[in-house]
Amino acid sequence: MNKKNIKKYISNGVFILILALILFVPSAKALVIQGLMQIGLFNPDVKTETISTNTSLDLKFKEQNGKIITLTDLKGKVVFLNFWATWCPPCLAEMPSINKLYEQHRDNKDVIFVMVDADSNLEKSLGYMNARKYDMPVYQMASSVPEQIFAGSLPTTVVFDKQGRVSFKHEGAANYNSKKFVEFMEKLRN
């Protein structure tokens, strides 16, 4: 074998290894999606009209300490609701942008973040948050969820306005720290 063929085999092997990592390792896939978010892909499409939904939704969320909060309890506040899982690469990819958005609103009593672990494994999801030094509150569902809110696609993000109406819904990864989305949240808050 000559040197040219050896280099060719090595470069092909490295390419296949990188491709396998991206396909089979969730954190590697998440890193690729994060890179694509940084160049402007995966920005959520923010519209100003309210999405019509059943306004009598009373979703219940269970905190780590067992306390139950409801969507009705949060009326008068903007609620950022995200369904995610630790094994979901798009979920992991959008977490840094959600955390940055959360950091901007952490001290604002008019904006509430509800990060719902779709697997109902609070211990695992809290471990993930702690390992990455994210302070976002993690909940699990304590009621059924209508399909109009969550049809099973991860990640799914829903934003409720102060009247409890759905103002935004997006399935799939998105950069929630984009200028357009931050402005959207500010409009809802005011």
N, C-alpha and C. Protein backbone atom coordinates (compact mmCIF):
# COMPACT_ATOMS: atom_id res chain seq x y z
N MET A 1 0.83 -1.19 0.00
CA MET A 1 0.00 0.00 0.00
C MET A 1 0.87 1.25 0.00
N ASN A 2 0.47 2.20 -0.79
CA ASN A 2 1.26 3.43 -0.80
C ASN A 2 0.69 4.46 0.18
N LYS A 3 1.44 5.50 0.41
CA LYS A 3 1.07 6.53 1.39
C LYS A 3 -0.24 7.23 1.02
N LYS A 4 -0.48 7.39 -0.24
CA LYS A 4 -1.70 8.07 -0.70
C LYS A 4 -2.94 7.28 -0.29
N ASN A 5 -2.92 5.96 -0.45
CA ASN A 5 -4.06 5.12 -0.06
C ASN A 5 -4.23 5.09 1.46
N ILE A 6 -3.14 5.06 2.20
CA ILE A 6 -3.22 5.05 3.66
C ILE A 6 -3.88 6.34 4.16
N LYS A 7 -3.49 7.48 3.61
CA LYS A 7 -4.09 8.76 3.99
C LYS A 7 -5.58 8.76 3.66
N LYS A 8 -5.92 8.20 2.53
CA LYS A 8 -7.32 8.13 2.10
C LYS A 8 -8.14 7.29 3.08
N TYR A 9 -7.61 6.12 3.49
CA TYR A 9 -8.31 5.25 4.44
C TYR A 9 -8.45 5.91 5.81
N ILE A 10 -7.41 6.60 6.23
CA ILE A 10 -7.45 7.28 7.53
C ILE A 10 -8.49 8.40 7.50
N SER A 11 -8.49 9.21 6.44
CA SER A 11 -9.46 10.32 6.37
C SER A 11 -10.88 9.79 6.26
N ASN A 12 -11.09 8.70 5.53
CA ASN A 12 -12.42 8.09 5.47
C ASN A 12 -12.84 7.55 6.83
N GLY A 13 -11.92 6.93 7.52
CA GLY A 13 -12.21 6.39 8.86
C GLY A 13 -12.58 7.49 9.84
N VAL A 14 -11.85 8.60 9.79
CA VAL A 14 -12.15 9.73 10.67
C VAL A 14 -13.54 10.31 10.34
N PHE A 15 -13.83 10.44 9.05
CA PHE A 15 -15.14 10.94 8.63
C PHE A 15 -16.26 10.03 9.13
N ILE A 16 -16.09 8.73 8.98
CA ILE A 16 -17.11 7.77 9.43
C ILE A 16 -17.26 7.83 10.95
N LEU A 17 -16.17 7.98 11.66
CA LEU A 17 -16.21 8.08 13.13
C LEU A 17 -16.97 9.33 13.57
N ILE A 18 -16.69 10.46 12.92
CA ILE A 18 -17.40 11.70 13.26
C ILE A 18 -18.88 11.57 12.94
N LEU A 19 -19.20 11.00 11.80
CA LEU A 19 -20.59 10.80 11.42
C LEU A 19 -21.31 9.89 12.42
N ALA A 20 -20.64 8.81 12.84
CA ALA A 20 -21.23 7.89 13.82
C ALA A 20 -21.47 8.60 15.15
N LEU A 21 -20.52 9.43 15.57
CA LEU A 21 -20.70 10.19 16.82
C LEU A 21 -21.94 11.08 16.73
N ILE A 22 -22.07 11.78 15.62
CA ILE A 22 -23.20 12.69 15.45
C ILE A 22 -24.52 11.92 15.43
N LEU A 23 -24.52 10.76 14.81
CA LEU A 23 -25.75 9.98 14.70
C LEU A 23 -26.15 9.27 15.99
N PHE A 24 -25.16 8.80 16.76
CA PHE A 24 -25.48 7.92 17.88
C PHE A 24 -25.21 8.49 19.27
N VAL A 25 -24.57 9.63 19.37
CA VAL A 25 -24.28 10.22 20.68
C VAL A 25 -25.12 11.49 20.82
N PRO A 26 -26.15 11.46 21.70
CA PRO A 26 -27.05 12.63 21.81
C PRO A 26 -26.33 13.95 22.07
N SER A 27 -25.31 13.96 22.92
CA SER A 27 -24.64 15.23 23.22
C SER A 27 -23.86 15.74 22.02
N ALA A 28 -23.34 14.84 21.18
CA ALA A 28 -22.64 15.27 19.97
C ALA A 28 -23.64 15.86 18.97
N LYS A 29 -24.79 15.22 18.84
CA LYS A 29 -25.83 15.73 17.94
C LYS A 29 -26.32 17.09 18.45
N ALA A 30 -26.47 17.22 19.76
CA ALA A 30 -26.90 18.49 20.35
C ALA A 30 -25.89 19.59 20.06
N LEU A 31 -24.60 19.25 20.11
CA LEU A 31 -23.56 20.23 19.83
C LEU A 31 -23.64 20.73 18.39
N VAL A 32 -23.91 19.84 17.45
CA VAL A 32 -24.07 20.23 16.05
C VAL A 32 -25.28 21.16 15.89
N ILE A 33 -26.40 20.81 16.54
CA ILE A 33 -27.60 21.65 16.45
C ILE A 33 -27.33 23.02 17.08
N GLN A 34 -26.60 23.05 18.20
CA GLN A 34 -26.25 24.33 18.83
C GLN A 34 -25.44 25.20 17.87
N GLY A 35 -24.50 24.57 17.17
CA GLY A 35 -23.71 25.30 16.19
C GLY A 35 -24.58 25.91 15.10
N LEU A 36 -25.56 25.14 14.64
CA LEU A 36 -26.48 25.64 13.62
C LEU A 36 -27.34 26.78 14.18
N MET A 37 -27.68 26.70 15.47
CA MET A 37 -28.44 27.80 16.09
C MET A 37 -27.62 29.08 16.11
N GLN A 38 -26.31 28.93 16.35
CA GLN A 38 -25.44 30.10 16.44
C GLN A 38 -25.35 30.86 15.12
N ILE A 39 -25.52 30.15 14.00
CA ILE A 39 -25.43 30.83 12.71
C ILE A 39 -26.79 31.31 12.21
N GLY A 40 -27.82 31.15 13.05
CA GLY A 40 -29.12 31.73 12.72
C GLY A 40 -30.20 30.75 12.32
N LEU A 41 -29.88 29.47 12.24
CA LEU A 41 -30.92 28.49 11.97
C LEU A 41 -31.68 28.19 13.26
N PHE A 42 -32.84 27.65 13.15
CA PHE A 42 -33.66 27.25 14.29
C PHE A 42 -34.16 28.42 15.12
N ASN A 43 -34.36 29.58 14.49
CA ASN A 43 -34.99 30.69 15.22
C ASN A 43 -36.49 30.48 15.20
N PRO A 44 -37.15 30.59 16.35
CA PRO A 44 -38.60 30.37 16.38
C PRO A 44 -39.35 31.45 15.62
N ASP A 45 -40.42 31.05 14.94
CA ASP A 45 -41.25 31.99 14.20
C ASP A 45 -42.25 32.61 15.17
N VAL A 46 -42.02 33.85 15.49
CA VAL A 46 -42.85 34.54 16.48
C VAL A 46 -43.89 35.37 15.77
N LYS A 47 -45.15 35.11 16.08
CA LYS A 47 -46.26 35.89 15.52
C LYS A 47 -46.92 36.63 16.67
N THR A 48 -47.58 37.72 16.37
CA THR A 48 -48.17 38.52 17.44
C THR A 48 -49.59 38.12 17.79
N GLU A 49 -50.26 37.33 16.93
CA GLU A 49 -51.65 36.97 17.26
C GLU A 49 -51.68 35.83 18.27
N THR A 50 -52.75 35.79 19.03
CA THR A 50 -52.95 34.73 20.01
C THR A 50 -53.50 33.50 19.30
N ILE A 51 -52.97 32.35 19.63
CA ILE A 51 -53.44 31.10 19.06
C ILE A 51 -54.69 30.71 19.83
N SER A 52 -55.76 30.38 19.11
CA SER A 52 -57.00 30.05 19.81
C SER A 52 -56.91 28.67 20.43
N THR A 53 -57.20 28.61 21.71
CA THR A 53 -57.21 27.35 22.45
C THR A 53 -58.35 27.40 23.45
N ASN A 54 -58.58 26.29 24.04
CA ASN A 54 -59.54 26.20 25.12
C ASN A 54 -58.97 26.98 26.30
N THR A 55 -59.60 28.08 26.67
CA THR A 55 -59.04 28.92 27.73
C THR A 55 -59.28 28.35 29.12
N SER A 56 -60.00 27.23 29.20
CA SER A 56 -60.23 26.64 30.52
C SER A 56 -59.18 25.58 30.85
N LEU A 57 -58.04 25.63 30.20
CA LEU A 57 -56.96 24.70 30.48
C LEU A 57 -56.51 24.88 31.93
N ASP A 58 -56.42 23.80 32.64
CA ASP A 58 -55.87 23.89 33.98
C ASP A 58 -54.83 22.80 34.15
N LEU A 59 -53.71 23.01 33.50
CA LEU A 59 -52.61 22.07 33.60
C LEU A 59 -52.04 22.12 35.01
N LYS A 60 -51.64 20.94 35.50
CA LYS A 60 -51.05 20.86 36.84
C LYS A 60 -49.62 20.36 36.72
N PHE A 61 -48.73 21.01 37.47
CA PHE A 61 -47.32 20.68 37.45
C PHE A 61 -46.86 20.38 38.87
N LYS A 62 -46.05 19.35 39.00
CA LYS A 62 -45.55 18.95 40.31
C LYS A 62 -44.09 19.34 40.45
N GLU A 63 -43.80 20.10 41.51
CA GLU A 63 -42.44 20.53 41.80
C GLU A 63 -41.65 19.38 42.45
N GLN A 64 -40.36 19.57 42.57
CA GLN A 64 -39.48 18.59 43.18
C GLN A 64 -39.91 18.24 44.61
N ASN A 65 -40.40 19.23 45.34
CA ASN A 65 -40.81 19.01 46.73
C ASN A 65 -42.22 18.44 46.84
N GLY A 66 -42.87 18.18 45.70
CA GLY A 66 -44.20 17.59 45.71
C GLY A 66 -45.33 18.59 45.60
N LYS A 67 -45.01 19.87 45.73
CA LYS A 67 -46.04 20.91 45.64
C LYS A 67 -46.60 20.95 44.22
N ILE A 68 -47.92 21.14 44.11
CA ILE A 68 -48.60 21.22 42.83
C ILE A 68 -48.92 22.68 42.52
N ILE A 69 -48.57 23.13 41.31
CA ILE A 69 -49.01 24.44 40.84
C ILE A 69 -49.85 24.22 39.59
N THR A 70 -50.76 25.12 39.34
CA THR A 70 -51.64 24.99 38.17
C THR A 70 -51.46 26.20 37.26
N LEU A 71 -51.89 26.03 36.04
CA LEU A 71 -51.84 27.14 35.09
C LEU A 71 -52.73 28.28 35.58
N THR A 72 -53.84 27.93 36.23
CA THR A 72 -54.73 28.95 36.79
C THR A 72 -54.00 29.77 37.86
N ASP A 73 -53.17 29.10 38.68
CA ASP A 73 -52.38 29.81 39.70
C ASP A 73 -51.46 30.85 39.08
N LEU A 74 -51.06 30.61 37.83
CA LEU A 74 -50.08 31.47 37.18
C LEU A 74 -50.71 32.55 36.30
N LYS A 75 -52.05 32.64 36.33
CA LYS A 75 -52.72 33.68 35.54
C LYS A 75 -52.22 35.05 36.00
N GLY A 76 -52.02 35.93 35.04
CA GLY A 76 -51.45 37.24 35.34
C GLY A 76 -49.95 37.26 35.10
N LYS A 77 -49.40 36.11 34.73
CA LYS A 77 -47.96 35.99 34.44
C LYS A 77 -47.78 35.38 33.05
N VAL A 78 -46.67 35.70 32.43
CA VAL A 78 -46.30 35.05 31.18
C VAL A 78 -45.65 33.73 31.56
N VAL A 79 -46.12 32.63 30.96
CA VAL A 79 -45.60 31.30 31.31
C VAL A 79 -44.89 30.70 30.10
N PHE A 80 -43.60 30.41 30.27
CA PHE A 80 -42.80 29.73 29.26
C PHE A 80 -42.77 28.26 29.66
N LEU A 81 -43.47 27.43 28.89
CA LEU A 81 -43.60 26.00 29.19
C LEU A 81 -42.82 25.20 28.16
N ASN A 82 -41.89 24.36 28.62
CA ASN A 82 -41.07 23.57 27.71
C ASN A 82 -41.11 22.10 28.12
N PHE A 83 -41.49 21.23 27.17
CA PHE A 83 -41.46 19.78 27.38
C PHE A 83 -40.15 19.28 26.78
N TRP A 84 -39.37 18.54 27.58
CA TRP A 84 -38.05 18.11 27.15
C TRP A 84 -37.69 16.79 27.82
N ALA A 85 -36.56 16.21 27.41
CA ALA A 85 -36.04 14.99 28.03
C ALA A 85 -34.52 15.00 27.93
N THR A 86 -33.86 14.34 28.87
CA THR A 86 -32.39 14.33 28.89
C THR A 86 -31.78 13.54 27.75
N TRP A 87 -32.53 12.64 27.14
CA TRP A 87 -32.02 11.81 26.04
C TRP A 87 -32.28 12.42 24.67
N CYS A 88 -32.93 13.57 24.62
CA CYS A 88 -33.38 14.20 23.37
C CYS A 88 -32.35 15.24 22.88
N PRO A 89 -31.59 14.94 21.80
CA PRO A 89 -30.57 15.89 21.33
C PRO A 89 -31.10 17.29 21.01
N PRO A 90 -32.24 17.44 20.31
CA PRO A 90 -32.73 18.82 20.08
C PRO A 90 -33.07 19.54 21.38
N CYS A 91 -33.56 18.79 22.38
CA CYS A 91 -33.87 19.40 23.69
C CYS A 91 -32.59 19.93 24.33
N LEU A 92 -31.55 19.10 24.29
CA LEU A 92 -30.28 19.48 24.90
C LEU A 92 -29.66 20.66 24.15
N ALA A 93 -29.87 20.69 22.84
CA ALA A 93 -29.30 21.77 22.03
C ALA A 93 -29.92 23.12 22.35
N GLU A 94 -31.21 23.15 22.65
CA GLU A 94 -31.86 24.43 22.91
C GLU A 94 -31.72 24.89 24.37
N MET A 95 -31.29 24.00 25.24
CA MET A 95 -31.18 24.36 26.67
C MET A 95 -30.33 25.58 26.95
N PRO A 96 -29.15 25.74 26.33
CA PRO A 96 -28.37 26.95 26.63
C PRO A 96 -29.13 28.24 26.29
N SER A 97 -29.88 28.23 25.17
CA SER A 97 -30.62 29.45 24.81
C SER A 97 -31.78 29.69 25.77
N ILE A 98 -32.44 28.61 26.21
CA ILE A 98 -33.52 28.77 27.19
C ILE A 98 -32.95 29.28 28.51
N ASN A 99 -31.79 28.75 28.89
CA ASN A 99 -31.17 29.20 30.13
C ASN A 99 -30.80 30.68 30.07
N LYS A 100 -30.31 31.14 28.92
CA LYS A 100 -29.99 32.57 28.79
C LYS A 100 -31.26 33.42 28.90
N LEU A 101 -32.34 32.96 28.28
CA LEU A 101 -33.62 33.67 28.38
C LEU A 101 -34.10 33.67 29.83
N TYR A 102 -33.97 32.53 30.49
CA TYR A 102 -34.35 32.42 31.90
C TYR A 102 -33.53 33.40 32.76
N GLU A 103 -32.23 33.47 32.50
CA GLU A 103 -31.36 34.37 33.26
C GLU A 103 -31.82 35.83 33.13
N GLN A 104 -32.32 36.19 31.95
CA GLN A 104 -32.80 37.56 31.74
C GLN A 104 -34.08 37.84 32.53
N HIS A 105 -34.86 36.80 32.81
CA HIS A 105 -36.16 36.98 33.46
C HIS A 105 -36.22 36.41 34.87
N ARG A 106 -35.13 35.90 35.36
CA ARG A 106 -35.09 35.23 36.66
C ARG A 106 -35.71 36.04 37.78
N ASP A 107 -35.42 37.32 37.83
CA ASP A 107 -35.90 38.17 38.93
C ASP A 107 -37.23 38.84 38.61
N ASN A 108 -37.80 38.54 37.47
CA ASN A 108 -39.05 39.15 37.05
C ASN A 108 -40.22 38.27 37.49
N LYS A 109 -41.03 38.76 38.38
CA LYS A 109 -42.16 37.99 38.92
C LYS A 109 -43.29 37.79 37.89
N ASP A 110 -43.23 38.52 36.76
CA ASP A 110 -44.27 38.41 35.74
C ASP A 110 -43.99 37.32 34.71
N VAL A 111 -42.83 36.69 34.77
CA VAL A 111 -42.47 35.64 33.82
C VAL A 111 -42.08 34.39 34.60
N ILE A 112 -42.74 33.28 34.27
CA ILE A 112 -42.50 32.01 34.95
C ILE A 112 -42.02 30.98 33.93
N PHE A 113 -40.99 30.24 34.27
CA PHE A 113 -40.49 29.16 33.43
C PHE A 113 -40.89 27.83 34.03
N VAL A 114 -41.47 26.96 33.22
CA VAL A 114 -41.88 25.63 33.64
C VAL A 114 -41.24 24.64 32.68
N MET A 115 -40.18 24.00 33.13
CA MET A 115 -39.47 23.02 32.32
C MET A 115 -40.00 21.64 32.73
N VAL A 116 -40.78 21.01 31.85
CA VAL A 116 -41.43 19.74 32.18
C VAL A 116 -40.62 18.58 31.63
N ASP A 117 -40.18 17.72 32.54
CA ASP A 117 -39.46 16.51 32.16
C ASP A 117 -40.48 15.52 31.60
N ALA A 118 -40.40 15.25 30.30
CA ALA A 118 -41.37 14.37 29.63
C ALA A 118 -41.28 12.93 30.13
N ASP A 119 -40.16 12.55 30.72
CA ASP A 119 -40.00 11.19 31.24
C ASP A 119 -40.45 11.05 32.68
N SER A 120 -40.83 12.14 33.30
CA SER A 120 -41.23 12.16 34.72
C SER A 120 -40.15 11.57 35.63
N ASN A 121 -38.90 11.85 35.29
CA ASN A 121 -37.78 11.40 36.11
C ASN A 121 -37.06 12.65 36.62
N LEU A 122 -37.63 13.25 37.66
CA LEU A 122 -37.09 14.51 38.17
C LEU A 122 -35.64 14.38 38.62
N GLU A 123 -35.30 13.26 39.22
CA GLU A 123 -33.93 13.08 39.71
C GLU A 123 -32.92 13.18 38.57
N LYS A 124 -33.22 12.51 37.47
CA LYS A 124 -32.31 12.53 36.31
C LYS A 124 -32.26 13.92 35.67
N SER A 125 -33.42 14.55 35.51
CA SER A 125 -33.44 15.87 34.88
C SER A 125 -32.80 16.93 35.76
N LEU A 126 -33.00 16.85 37.06
CA LEU A 126 -32.33 17.79 37.98
C LEU A 126 -30.83 17.57 37.96
N GLY A 127 -30.40 16.31 37.85
CA GLY A 127 -28.98 16.01 37.73
C GLY A 127 -28.38 16.65 36.48
N TYR A 128 -29.13 16.57 35.39
CA TYR A 128 -28.68 17.20 34.14
C TYR A 128 -28.55 18.71 34.33
N MET A 129 -29.58 19.33 34.90
CA MET A 129 -29.55 20.79 35.11
C MET A 129 -28.39 21.19 36.02
N ASN A 130 -28.21 20.46 37.10
CA ASN A 130 -27.12 20.77 38.04
C ASN A 130 -25.75 20.61 37.40
N ALA A 131 -25.57 19.56 36.59
CA ALA A 131 -24.28 19.32 35.95
C ALA A 131 -23.91 20.46 35.00
N ARG A 132 -24.89 21.10 34.43
CA ARG A 132 -24.63 22.20 33.49
C ARG A 132 -24.80 23.57 34.14
N LYS A 133 -25.06 23.56 35.43
CA LYS A 133 -25.23 24.79 36.22
C LYS A 133 -26.39 25.65 35.71
N TYR A 134 -27.48 24.98 35.31
CA TYR A 134 -28.72 25.65 34.94
C TYR A 134 -29.59 25.72 36.18
N ASP A 135 -30.23 26.87 36.41
CA ASP A 135 -31.09 27.06 37.57
C ASP A 135 -32.57 26.95 37.25
N MET A 136 -32.90 26.60 36.03
CA MET A 136 -34.30 26.58 35.62
C MET A 136 -35.08 25.55 36.43
N PRO A 137 -36.29 25.90 36.83
CA PRO A 137 -37.10 24.96 37.63
C PRO A 137 -37.62 23.81 36.77
N VAL A 138 -37.50 22.59 37.30
CA VAL A 138 -37.95 21.39 36.58
C VAL A 138 -39.18 20.84 37.28
N TYR A 139 -40.18 20.49 36.49
CA TYR A 139 -41.44 19.95 36.99
C TYR A 139 -41.75 18.65 36.27
N GLN A 140 -42.74 17.95 36.78
CA GLN A 140 -43.34 16.86 36.03
C GLN A 140 -44.84 17.12 35.99
N MET A 141 -45.49 16.57 34.99
CA MET A 141 -46.92 16.80 34.84
C MET A 141 -47.68 16.08 35.95
N ALA A 142 -48.70 16.75 36.47
CA ALA A 142 -49.55 16.16 37.50
C ALA A 142 -50.99 16.09 36.99
N SER A 143 -51.17 16.28 35.69
CA SER A 143 -52.48 16.19 35.06
C SER A 143 -52.27 15.73 33.63
N SER A 144 -53.35 15.44 32.96
CA SER A 144 -53.23 15.10 31.54
C SER A 144 -52.98 16.38 30.76
N VAL A 145 -52.39 16.23 29.58
CA VAL A 145 -52.08 17.38 28.75
C VAL A 145 -52.83 17.24 27.44
N PRO A 146 -53.65 18.23 27.09
CA PRO A 146 -54.36 18.16 25.82
C PRO A 146 -53.38 18.15 24.64
N GLU A 147 -53.76 17.46 23.59
CA GLU A 147 -52.90 17.35 22.42
C GLU A 147 -52.61 18.69 21.78
N GLN A 148 -53.51 19.66 21.95
CA GLN A 148 -53.26 20.99 21.38
C GLN A 148 -52.08 21.67 22.05
N ILE A 149 -51.72 21.22 23.25
CA ILE A 149 -50.56 21.77 23.95
C ILE A 149 -49.33 20.92 23.72
N PHE A 150 -49.45 19.60 23.90
CA PHE A 150 -48.31 18.70 23.73
C PHE A 150 -48.78 17.40 23.10
N ALA A 151 -48.33 17.18 21.86
CA ALA A 151 -48.74 15.98 21.11
C ALA A 151 -47.69 14.89 21.16
N GLY A 152 -46.63 15.08 21.95
CA GLY A 152 -45.61 14.05 22.11
C GLY A 152 -44.30 14.36 21.43
N SER A 153 -44.22 15.41 20.64
CA SER A 153 -42.98 15.77 19.95
C SER A 153 -42.07 16.54 20.91
N LEU A 154 -40.83 16.09 21.01
CA LEU A 154 -39.86 16.76 21.88
C LEU A 154 -38.80 17.45 21.05
N PRO A 155 -38.37 18.62 21.45
CA PRO A 155 -38.97 19.47 22.46
C PRO A 155 -40.21 20.19 21.92
N THR A 156 -41.09 20.56 22.82
CA THR A 156 -42.24 21.40 22.50
C THR A 156 -42.24 22.56 23.50
N THR A 157 -42.38 23.75 22.97
CA THR A 157 -42.42 24.95 23.81
C THR A 157 -43.73 25.69 23.57
N VAL A 158 -44.38 26.07 24.65
CA VAL A 158 -45.63 26.82 24.60
C VAL A 158 -45.47 28.03 25.51
N VAL A 159 -45.89 29.19 25.04
CA VAL A 159 -45.86 30.40 25.87
C VAL A 159 -47.30 30.87 26.03
N PHE A 160 -47.69 31.03 27.28
CA PHE A 160 -49.02 31.54 27.62
C PHE A 160 -48.90 33.02 27.98
N ASP A 161 -49.87 33.83 27.52
CA ASP A 161 -49.87 35.24 27.89
C ASP A 161 -50.45 35.39 29.29
N LYS A 162 -50.56 36.62 29.75
CA LYS A 162 -51.03 36.87 31.12
C LYS A 162 -52.48 36.46 31.35
N GLN A 163 -53.24 36.30 30.29
CA GLN A 163 -54.63 35.85 30.42
C GLN A 163 -54.75 34.33 30.35
N GLY A 164 -53.61 33.64 30.21
CA GLY A 164 -53.62 32.18 30.15
C GLY A 164 -53.87 31.62 28.76
N ARG A 165 -53.78 32.48 27.74
CA ARG A 165 -53.99 32.05 26.36
C ARG A 165 -52.65 31.66 25.73
N VAL A 166 -52.69 30.69 24.83
CA VAL A 166 -51.48 30.28 24.13
C VAL A 166 -51.10 31.38 23.13
N SER A 167 -49.92 31.96 23.30
CA SER A 167 -49.45 33.01 22.41
C SER A 167 -48.38 32.50 21.46
N PHE A 168 -47.81 31.36 21.79
CA PHE A 168 -46.72 30.80 20.98
C PHE A 168 -46.66 29.31 21.22
N LYS A 169 -46.46 28.55 20.13
CA LYS A 169 -46.23 27.11 20.26
C LYS A 169 -45.25 26.70 19.18
N HIS A 170 -44.24 25.93 19.59
CA HIS A 170 -43.23 25.47 18.64
C HIS A 170 -42.80 24.06 18.99
N GLU A 171 -42.79 23.18 17.99
CA GLU A 171 -42.28 21.82 18.17
C GLU A 171 -40.92 21.76 17.49
N GLY A 172 -39.93 21.23 18.19
CA GLY A 172 -38.58 21.15 17.66
C GLY A 172 -37.67 22.15 18.34
N ALA A 173 -36.39 22.02 18.05
CA ALA A 173 -35.39 22.89 18.67
C ALA A 173 -35.50 24.32 18.14
N ALA A 174 -35.18 25.27 19.00
CA ALA A 174 -35.20 26.68 18.61
C ALA A 174 -34.24 27.46 19.50
N ASN A 175 -33.79 28.58 18.98
CA ASN A 175 -32.95 29.48 19.74
C ASN A 175 -33.85 30.50 20.42
N TYR A 176 -34.12 30.30 21.70
CA TYR A 176 -35.04 31.18 22.43
C TYR A 176 -34.36 32.42 22.99
N ASN A 177 -33.09 32.58 22.70
CA ASN A 177 -32.41 33.80 23.12
C ASN A 177 -32.18 34.73 21.93
N SER A 178 -32.89 34.47 20.83
CA SER A 178 -32.75 35.35 19.66
C SER A 178 -33.40 36.70 19.98
N LYS A 179 -32.94 37.73 19.32
CA LYS A 179 -33.44 39.08 19.57
C LYS A 179 -34.96 39.14 19.37
N LYS A 180 -35.43 38.50 18.30
CA LYS A 180 -36.86 38.54 17.98
C LYS A 180 -37.70 37.88 19.08
N PHE A 181 -37.22 36.75 19.61
CA PHE A 181 -37.99 36.06 20.65
C PHE A 181 -37.94 36.83 21.97
N VAL A 182 -36.80 37.40 22.30
CA VAL A 182 -36.68 38.20 23.52
C VAL A 182 -37.64 39.39 23.46
N GLU A 183 -37.73 40.04 22.29
CA GLU A 183 -38.67 41.15 22.12
C GLU A 183 -40.13 40.66 22.26
N PHE A 184 -40.40 39.49 21.72
CA PHE A 184 -41.75 38.90 21.84
C PHE A 184 -42.11 38.70 23.31
N MET A 185 -41.18 38.17 24.09
CA MET A 185 -41.43 37.95 25.52
C MET A 185 -41.65 39.27 26.24
N GLU A 186 -40.89 40.28 25.87
CA GLU A 186 -41.05 41.60 26.49
C GLU A 186 -42.43 42.19 26.19
N LYS A 187 -42.91 42.00 24.94
CA LYS A 187 -44.24 42.51 24.58
C LYS A 187 -45.30 41.83 25.44
N LEU A 188 -45.19 40.52 25.62
CA LEU A 188 -46.15 39.79 26.43
C LEU A 188 -46.12 40.24 27.89
N ARG A 189 -44.95 40.53 28.35
CA ARG A 189 -44.75 40.90 29.76
C ARG A 189 -45.35 42.27 30.05
N ASN A 190 -45.29 43.17 29.08
CA ASN A 190 -45.78 44.55 29.31
C ASN A 190 -47.22 44.71 29.04
